[in-house]
Amino acid sequence: MPITIWRRDDKYEVTVSPPHGPLWRSGESMTSREIFDALIRMGCHSTDIRDAFDAADPFWTERPGA
């Protein structure tokens, strides 16, 4: 999956690769909202972001920062 998200305690880290966005990796753990906003600004599609979050953590929308 070109957008890969993994959970680190109450936050997440992410890697992105083409074609879903530019080659990018978060430098630190971020909230889901911070990741979502950053990936949207990079041109990633919201469905792809949600799919990556769902794969990483089915309860991501219920956690702080969602």
Protein backbone atom coordinates (compact mmCIF):
# COMPACT_ATOMS: atom_id res chain seq x y z
CA MET A 1 0.00 0.00 0.00
CA PRO A 2 1.56 3.35 -1.01
CA ILE A 3 0.29 5.00 2.21
CA THR A 4 1.38 3.03 5.27
CA ILE A 5 0.40 4.13 8.75
CA TRP A 6 1.35 2.49 12.02
CA ARG A 7 0.32 3.27 15.55
CA ARG A 8 2.80 4.48 18.18
CA ASP A 9 1.03 4.70 21.54
CA ASP A 10 -1.68 7.36 21.05
CA LYS A 11 -0.20 8.77 17.84
CA TYR A 12 0.83 7.50 14.41
CA GLU A 13 3.69 7.51 11.94
CA VAL A 14 3.31 7.33 8.19
CA THR A 15 5.17 6.68 4.97
CA VAL A 16 3.89 7.67 1.55
CA SER A 17 5.14 6.68 -1.87
CA PRO A 18 3.98 7.35 -5.41
CA PRO A 19 1.50 7.12 -7.01
CA HIS A 20 -0.59 8.16 -3.98
CA GLY A 21 1.65 11.08 -3.08
CA PRO A 22 5.26 12.19 -2.98
CA LEU A 23 7.91 10.04 -1.29
CA TRP A 24 7.56 11.14 2.34
CA ARG A 25 7.91 9.84 5.87
CA SER A 26 6.75 11.51 9.06
CA GLY A 27 9.72 12.61 11.13
CA GLU A 28 7.87 12.09 14.38
CA SER A 29 4.65 10.65 15.76
CA MET A 30 1.60 12.71 14.85
CA THR A 31 -2.10 12.73 15.64
CA SER A 32 -4.44 11.29 13.05
CA ARG A 33 -5.71 14.81 12.28
CA GLU A 34 -2.15 16.08 11.72
CA ILE A 35 -1.40 13.18 9.38
CA PHE A 36 -4.71 13.53 7.53
CA ASP A 37 -4.15 17.28 7.01
CA ALA A 38 -0.52 16.82 5.91
CA LEU A 39 -1.41 14.12 3.39
CA ILE A 40 -4.30 16.13 1.95
CA ARG A 41 -1.91 19.08 1.44
CA MET A 42 0.44 16.71 -0.43
CA GLY A 43 -2.37 15.74 -2.77
CA CYS A 44 -3.25 12.31 -1.33
CA HIS A 45 -6.84 11.22 -1.75
CA SER A 46 -8.96 11.14 1.42
CA THR A 47 -10.22 7.60 0.67
CA ASP A 48 -6.65 6.29 0.44
CA ILE A 49 -5.79 7.99 3.74
CA ARG A 50 -8.83 6.53 5.49
CA ASP A 51 -8.09 3.07 4.09
CA ALA A 52 -4.53 3.27 5.45
CA PHE A 53 -5.79 4.37 8.88
CA ASP A 54 -8.39 1.58 8.91
CA ALA A 55 -5.67 -0.99 8.13
CA ALA A 56 -3.42 0.36 10.89
CA ASP A 57 -6.03 0.90 13.59
CA PRO A 58 -9.73 0.09 13.18
CA PHE A 59 -10.54 2.43 16.09
CA TRP A 60 -8.56 5.45 14.87
CA THR A 61 -11.63 7.69 14.63
CA GLU A 62 -12.37 7.12 18.32
CA ARG A 63 -8.92 8.13 19.58
CA PRO A 64 -7.82 11.63 20.65
CA GLY A 65 -6.73 13.79 17.74
CA ALA A 66 -9.04 12.14 15.22
